[in-house]
Amino acid sequence: MTDSKKTKVAIIGSGNIGTDLMIKILRTSSVLEMAVMVGIDSDSDGLARAKRMGLATTHEGVDGLISMPEFEEIEIVFDATSANAHHYNYNKIKPFGKRMVDLTPAAIGPYLIPPVNSETNLDLDNVNMVTCGGQATIPMVAAVSRVAKVHYGEIVASIASKSAGPGTRDNIDEFTETTSQAIEKVGGATRGKAIIVLNPAEPPLVMRDTVFTLSDLADKEAIRESIHKMVAEVQKYVPGYDLHQEVQFEEIPEDKPVFIEGVGHKSGLKTSVLLKVVGAGHYLQEYAGNLDIMTSAALATGERMIQKRIETLAKSL
């Protein structure tokens, strides 16, 4: 049964991320309605689940989606494929005036981190959700940036090896490049660096992230408060997101500055933030918080797109 008050959406990519996003939309969204699940493997679990739930499906990729009668009513297309595939998918979808929320590191559209810069990008036809590491850590860099000038931001994302599927493994180079750029463009750091670690531990450990920033000297309590406020903002759509330890500070004296490539020697305040992300367990295991934060951020973005459109329309009446 369809809900005429909801906005119809499609998901391209029937792997772990696409399937988890599908279930989140079906179970939790009062704004979005799943219309079509798209894959390229007719035997994928994601397509099988979609069929059992009564959704329209195609295993012919974006070309199959465009040829379906349901396509005309779809307003938002979520792409949970790969960086290379997204370029093809976007070029196919663009002429039809649909909006795309990109969960790959392709970064055709601007980077979007919901609690940091969503309001400036929601009207565009393509937005990029950066990476799982970016969604988890860039809010922390931004939290420091709104108190003090950040010269350097470095993030280390440690994820369970079992949660890293073929798409994640094939896009590690894109992960580091996209996340590093977003640390600068969204987080506000002059220089950014990203590292991803696939943790083979058994049983699998939940996602752990470490954020280091080097900023101008500033009020430590103001930075701590800003970080805690940002954590609360992320928790609104990712309940399993939290600090693993309290925020730590270290002053770098002027007579012992550190060298930052592309920036030079800098003194100031080093802030260390340790995070953990526990998945919601909708489709994936709880240790797959890296995938959960991506799908949660994408869902929040899609819902906010529709809410902003409604708000804009109401103001024009």
Protein backbone atom coordinates (compact mmCIF):
# COMPACT_ATOMS: atom_id res chain seq x y z
CA MET A 1 0.00 0.00 0.00
CA THR A 2 1.36 3.42 -0.92
CA ASP A 3 1.10 6.62 1.07
CA SER A 4 0.20 9.63 -1.09
CA LYS A 5 1.64 11.96 1.56
CA LYS A 6 5.12 10.49 1.24
CA THR A 7 7.73 11.18 -1.43
CA LYS A 8 8.71 8.19 -3.54
CA VAL A 9 12.36 7.23 -3.77
CA ALA A 10 14.55 4.59 -5.40
CA ILE A 11 17.80 3.00 -4.27
CA ILE A 12 20.48 1.93 -6.74
CA GLY A 13 22.66 -0.75 -5.19
CA SER A 14 21.29 -3.88 -3.54
CA GLY A 15 24.32 -4.62 -1.39
CA ASN A 16 24.70 -4.09 2.35
CA ILE A 17 24.43 -0.29 2.32
CA GLY A 18 21.51 -0.13 -0.11
CA THR A 19 19.60 -2.87 1.70
CA ASP A 20 20.12 -1.29 5.12
CA LEU A 21 18.93 2.07 3.75
CA MET A 22 15.86 0.40 2.23
CA ILE A 23 14.90 -1.13 5.58
CA LYS A 24 15.48 2.16 7.41
CA ILE A 25 13.14 3.96 5.00
CA LEU A 26 10.49 1.27 5.30
CA ARG A 27 10.64 1.07 9.10
CA THR A 28 11.35 4.59 10.23
CA SER A 29 10.59 7.28 7.65
CA SER A 30 7.39 9.29 7.83
CA VAL A 31 8.53 11.35 4.83
CA LEU A 32 9.97 8.92 2.26
CA GLU A 33 8.36 5.93 0.55
CA MET A 34 10.39 3.14 -1.02
CA ALA A 35 9.29 2.67 -4.62
CA VAL A 36 12.04 0.75 -6.44
CA MET A 37 15.10 -1.26 -5.43
CA VAL A 38 17.73 -1.46 -8.18
CA GLY A 39 20.61 -3.91 -8.52
CA ILE A 40 22.68 -5.73 -11.13
CA ASP A 41 22.67 -9.17 -9.51
CA SER A 42 19.34 -10.90 -9.79
CA ASP A 43 20.31 -13.24 -6.95
CA SER A 44 21.30 -10.54 -4.44
CA ASP A 45 19.78 -10.67 -0.99
CA GLY A 46 18.77 -7.02 -1.26
CA LEU A 47 16.61 -7.58 -4.33
CA ALA A 48 15.14 -10.74 -2.82
CA ARG A 49 14.18 -8.87 0.36
CA ALA A 50 12.69 -6.01 -1.63
CA LYS A 51 10.53 -8.43 -3.61
CA ARG A 52 9.31 -10.13 -0.42
CA MET A 53 8.33 -6.71 0.91
CA GLY A 54 6.25 -6.02 -2.18
CA LEU A 55 8.55 -3.45 -3.77
CA ALA A 56 9.20 -3.04 -7.47
CA THR A 57 12.69 -4.24 -8.42
CA THR A 58 15.04 -4.46 -11.37
CA HIS A 59 18.37 -6.22 -11.79
CA GLU A 60 19.21 -4.17 -14.89
CA GLY A 61 20.79 -1.24 -13.08
CA VAL A 62 19.95 2.40 -13.69
CA ASP A 63 18.85 1.67 -17.26
CA GLY A 64 16.28 -0.76 -15.93
CA LEU A 65 15.09 1.83 -13.42
CA ILE A 66 14.57 4.50 -16.09
CA SER A 67 12.45 2.13 -18.17
CA MET A 68 10.10 1.29 -15.28
CA PRO A 69 6.66 2.94 -15.00
CA GLU A 70 7.39 3.79 -11.35
CA PHE A 71 10.33 6.00 -12.37
CA GLU A 72 8.19 8.99 -13.30
CA GLU A 73 6.91 9.47 -9.74
CA ILE A 74 10.30 9.07 -8.05
CA GLU A 75 11.76 12.31 -6.72
CA ILE A 76 14.98 11.16 -5.01
CA VAL A 77 17.41 8.45 -6.09
CA PHE A 78 19.91 7.15 -3.53
CA ASP A 79 23.07 5.69 -5.08
CA ALA A 80 24.74 3.01 -2.97
CA THR A 81 26.96 1.51 -5.66
CA SER A 82 30.58 2.57 -6.25
CA ALA A 83 32.45 5.73 -7.19
CA ASN A 84 32.87 4.66 -10.82
CA ALA A 85 29.28 3.47 -11.15
CA HIS A 86 27.91 6.72 -9.74
CA HIS A 87 29.33 8.74 -12.63
CA TYR A 88 27.39 6.56 -15.08
CA ASN A 89 24.24 6.56 -12.95
CA TYR A 90 24.23 10.33 -12.49
CA ASN A 91 24.66 11.00 -16.21
CA LYS A 92 21.69 8.72 -16.86
CA ILE A 93 19.45 10.25 -14.18
CA LYS A 94 20.35 13.93 -14.61
CA PRO A 95 18.19 14.66 -17.71
CA PHE A 96 15.06 13.61 -15.81
CA GLY A 97 15.36 16.25 -13.09
CA LYS A 98 15.60 13.81 -10.18
CA ARG A 99 17.68 14.51 -7.10
CA MET A 100 20.49 12.13 -6.20
CA VAL A 101 21.95 11.39 -2.79
CA ASP A 102 25.35 9.84 -3.43
CA LEU A 103 26.62 7.34 -0.83
CA THR A 104 29.79 6.62 -2.84
CA PRO A 105 33.09 8.56 -2.75
CA ALA A 106 32.48 9.86 -6.31
CA ALA A 107 31.84 13.40 -5.01
CA ILE A 108 30.23 14.81 -8.15
CA GLY A 109 28.04 16.99 -5.98
CA PRO A 110 29.15 18.95 -2.90
CA TYR A 111 30.01 17.18 0.34
CA LEU A 112 27.16 17.05 2.83
CA ILE A 113 27.40 16.34 6.56
CA PRO A 114 23.87 16.76 8.04
CA PRO A 115 24.64 18.70 11.26
CA VAL A 116 27.31 20.86 9.61
CA ASN A 117 26.28 22.13 6.16
CA SER A 118 23.00 20.58 5.02
CA GLU A 119 21.08 23.84 4.82
CA THR A 120 23.30 25.22 2.04
CA ASN A 121 23.09 22.19 -0.25
CA LEU A 122 19.58 20.74 -0.02
CA ASP A 123 18.32 22.40 -3.22
CA LEU A 124 20.96 20.80 -5.46
CA ASP A 125 20.38 17.81 -7.75
CA ASN A 126 23.34 15.81 -6.42
CA VAL A 127 24.87 15.77 -2.95
CA ASN A 128 27.68 13.56 -1.71
CA MET A 129 27.66 11.87 1.69
CA VAL A 130 31.49 11.78 1.74
CA THR A 131 32.40 8.47 3.45
CA CYS A 132 31.57 6.59 6.61
CA GLY A 133 34.71 7.96 8.25
CA GLY A 134 33.83 11.44 7.08
CA GLN A 135 30.31 11.28 8.46
CA ALA A 136 31.65 10.16 11.84
CA THR A 137 34.60 12.51 12.21
CA ILE A 138 34.07 15.71 10.23
CA PRO A 139 31.40 16.94 12.69
CA MET A 140 34.14 16.88 15.34
CA VAL A 141 36.55 18.90 13.19
CA ALA A 142 33.75 21.37 12.50
CA ALA A 143 32.98 21.58 16.21
CA VAL A 144 36.54 22.69 16.92
CA SER A 145 36.52 25.02 13.89
CA ARG A 146 33.59 27.02 15.20
CA VAL A 147 35.68 27.90 18.27
CA ALA A 148 39.21 28.23 16.88
CA LYS A 149 41.03 28.25 13.56
CA VAL A 150 41.99 24.65 12.71
CA HIS A 151 45.28 24.35 10.85
CA TYR A 152 45.28 20.55 10.61
CA GLY A 153 42.70 17.83 10.98
CA GLU A 154 43.54 14.13 10.89
CA ILE A 155 41.10 11.26 11.25
CA VAL A 156 41.67 7.54 11.67
CA ALA A 157 38.63 5.35 11.01
CA SER A 158 38.88 1.79 12.28
CA ILE A 159 36.13 -0.51 11.02
CA ALA A 160 35.48 -4.22 11.37
CA SER A 161 36.91 -6.10 8.40
CA LYS A 162 33.64 -8.03 8.15
CA SER A 163 31.75 -4.79 7.56
CA ALA A 164 33.92 -3.83 4.57
CA GLY A 165 32.34 -5.27 1.46
CA PRO A 166 33.72 -5.23 -2.09
CA GLY A 167 32.57 -1.63 -2.64
CA THR A 168 34.43 -0.35 0.41
CA ARG A 169 37.59 -2.30 -0.41
CA ASP A 170 37.59 -1.19 -4.05
CA ASN A 171 37.21 2.46 -3.06
CA ILE A 172 39.86 2.84 -0.34
CA ASP A 173 41.88 5.33 -2.40
CA GLU A 174 38.75 7.35 -3.06
CA PHE A 175 37.88 7.08 0.64
CA THR A 176 41.11 8.71 1.77
CA GLU A 177 41.05 11.40 -0.92
CA THR A 178 37.38 12.32 -0.52
CA THR A 179 37.52 12.33 3.28
CA SER A 180 40.70 14.41 3.35
CA GLN A 181 39.16 17.02 1.06
CA ALA A 182 35.94 17.13 3.08
CA ILE A 183 37.89 17.66 6.32
CA GLU A 184 39.06 20.88 4.71
CA LYS A 185 35.97 21.99 2.78
CA VAL A 186 33.35 21.06 5.38
CA GLY A 187 35.31 20.64 8.59
CA GLY A 188 37.14 23.92 8.14
CA ALA A 189 40.71 22.64 8.50
CA THR A 190 43.46 24.21 6.41
CA ARG A 191 44.90 20.75 5.84
CA GLY A 192 43.18 17.38 6.19
CA LYS A 193 44.33 13.78 6.27
CA ALA A 194 42.30 10.56 6.46
CA ILE A 195 43.35 7.01 7.27
CA ILE A 196 41.17 3.88 7.23
CA VAL A 197 42.00 0.68 9.11
CA LEU A 198 40.25 -2.63 8.46
CA ASN A 199 40.28 -4.40 11.82
CA PRO A 200 40.30 -8.23 11.48
CA ALA A 201 39.52 -8.83 15.16
CA GLU A 202 37.12 -11.63 16.10
CA PRO A 203 34.52 -11.11 17.31
CA PRO A 204 34.27 -7.95 15.19
CA LEU A 205 34.64 -4.63 17.02
CA VAL A 206 32.35 -1.66 16.53
CA MET A 207 33.57 1.32 14.52
CA ARG A 208 36.14 3.42 16.36
CA ASP A 209 37.31 6.81 15.13
CA THR A 210 40.07 9.08 16.32
CA VAL A 211 40.12 12.78 15.44
CA PHE A 212 43.16 14.99 15.94
CA THR A 213 43.08 18.73 15.32
CA LEU A 214 45.75 21.38 15.70
CA SER A 215 44.20 24.80 16.15
CA ASP A 216 45.01 28.22 17.47
CA LEU A 217 45.02 28.40 21.24
CA ALA A 218 41.47 28.76 22.52
CA ASP A 219 39.25 28.18 25.53
CA LYS A 220 39.39 24.42 26.11
CA GLU A 221 36.01 24.32 27.80
CA ALA A 222 34.45 26.15 24.86
CA ILE A 223 35.87 23.53 22.50
CA ARG A 224 34.71 20.70 24.78
CA GLU A 225 31.21 22.17 24.93
CA SER A 226 31.11 22.60 21.15
CA ILE A 227 32.11 18.96 20.66
CA HIS A 228 29.47 17.68 23.08
CA LYS A 229 26.80 19.76 21.35
CA MET A 230 27.83 18.34 17.99
CA VAL A 231 27.72 14.78 19.35
CA ALA A 232 24.13 15.44 20.45
CA GLU A 233 23.26 16.69 16.95
CA VAL A 234 24.63 13.54 15.31
CA GLN A 235 22.82 11.34 17.86
CA LYS A 236 19.48 12.70 16.60
CA TYR A 237 19.84 10.45 13.53
CA VAL A 238 22.57 8.03 14.70
CA PRO A 239 21.70 7.00 18.29
CA GLY A 240 24.76 4.72 18.52
CA TYR A 241 27.19 7.61 18.02
CA ASP A 242 29.09 8.68 21.12
CA LEU A 243 32.41 9.69 22.63
CA HIS A 244 34.55 6.70 23.58
CA GLN A 245 36.59 8.83 25.97
CA GLU A 246 36.47 12.41 27.18
CA VAL A 247 38.04 15.06 24.95
CA GLN A 248 41.80 15.47 25.49
CA PHE A 249 43.95 18.58 25.01
CA GLU A 250 47.67 19.26 24.64
CA GLU A 251 49.28 22.64 24.14
CA ILE A 252 52.04 22.79 21.52
CA PRO A 253 54.47 25.54 22.58
CA GLU A 254 55.81 28.13 20.17
CA ASP A 255 59.38 26.96 20.68
CA LYS A 256 58.45 23.38 19.73
CA PRO A 257 56.05 23.70 16.79
CA VAL A 258 55.04 20.71 14.69
CA PHE A 259 55.52 20.61 10.94
CA ILE A 260 52.41 20.22 8.80
CA GLU A 261 52.93 19.48 5.12
CA GLY A 262 51.46 22.28 3.04
CA VAL A 263 51.00 24.49 6.09
CA GLY A 264 54.40 24.80 7.73
CA HIS A 265 55.43 24.82 11.38
CA LYS A 266 52.56 25.45 13.79
CA SER A 267 52.08 25.71 17.52
CA GLY A 268 48.75 25.91 19.28
CA LEU A 269 46.24 23.49 20.78
CA LYS A 270 46.01 19.82 19.92
CA THR A 271 42.55 18.35 20.51
CA SER A 272 41.99 14.58 20.49
CA VAL A 273 38.49 13.11 20.14
CA LEU A 274 37.83 9.38 20.41
CA LEU A 275 34.52 8.11 19.06
CA LYS A 276 32.59 4.89 18.70
CA VAL A 277 29.66 4.14 16.41
CA VAL A 278 27.33 1.24 17.20
CA GLY A 279 24.98 0.27 14.39
CA ALA A 280 21.21 0.26 14.82
CA GLY A 281 20.96 -3.37 13.70
CA HIS A 282 18.23 -2.77 11.10
CA TYR A 283 19.82 -5.07 8.50
CA LEU A 284 23.48 -5.12 9.43
CA GLN A 285 25.17 -6.27 12.62
CA GLU A 286 25.72 -3.70 15.36
CA TYR A 287 29.47 -3.74 14.72
CA ALA A 288 28.85 -2.28 11.25
CA GLY A 289 28.43 1.24 12.58
CA ASN A 290 30.46 2.53 9.64
CA LEU A 291 27.72 1.48 7.24
CA ASP A 292 24.93 2.49 9.61
CA ILE A 293 26.15 6.08 9.90
CA MET A 294 26.22 6.39 6.09
CA THR A 295 22.68 5.13 5.62
CA SER A 296 21.41 7.16 8.57
CA ALA A 297 23.01 10.33 7.21
CA ALA A 298 21.61 9.67 3.74
CA LEU A 299 18.13 9.09 5.15
CA ALA A 300 18.31 12.28 7.20
CA THR A 301 19.43 14.18 4.10
CA GLY A 302 16.63 12.83 1.91
CA GLU A 303 14.02 13.67 4.55
CA ARG A 304 15.39 17.17 5.02
CA MET A 305 15.33 17.75 1.25
CA ILE A 306 11.61 17.10 1.20
CA GLN A 307 10.93 19.08 4.36
CA LYS A 308 12.79 22.09 2.96
CA ARG A 309 10.85 21.88 -0.29
CA ILE A 310 7.58 21.87 1.67
CA GLU A 311 8.73 24.81 3.78
CA THR A 312 9.77 26.78 0.68
CA LEU A 313 6.43 26.06 -0.99
CA ALA A 314 4.51 27.15 2.11
CA LYS A 315 6.40 30.46 2.21
CA SER A 316 5.53 31.18 -1.42
CA LEU A 317 1.78 30.79 -0.87
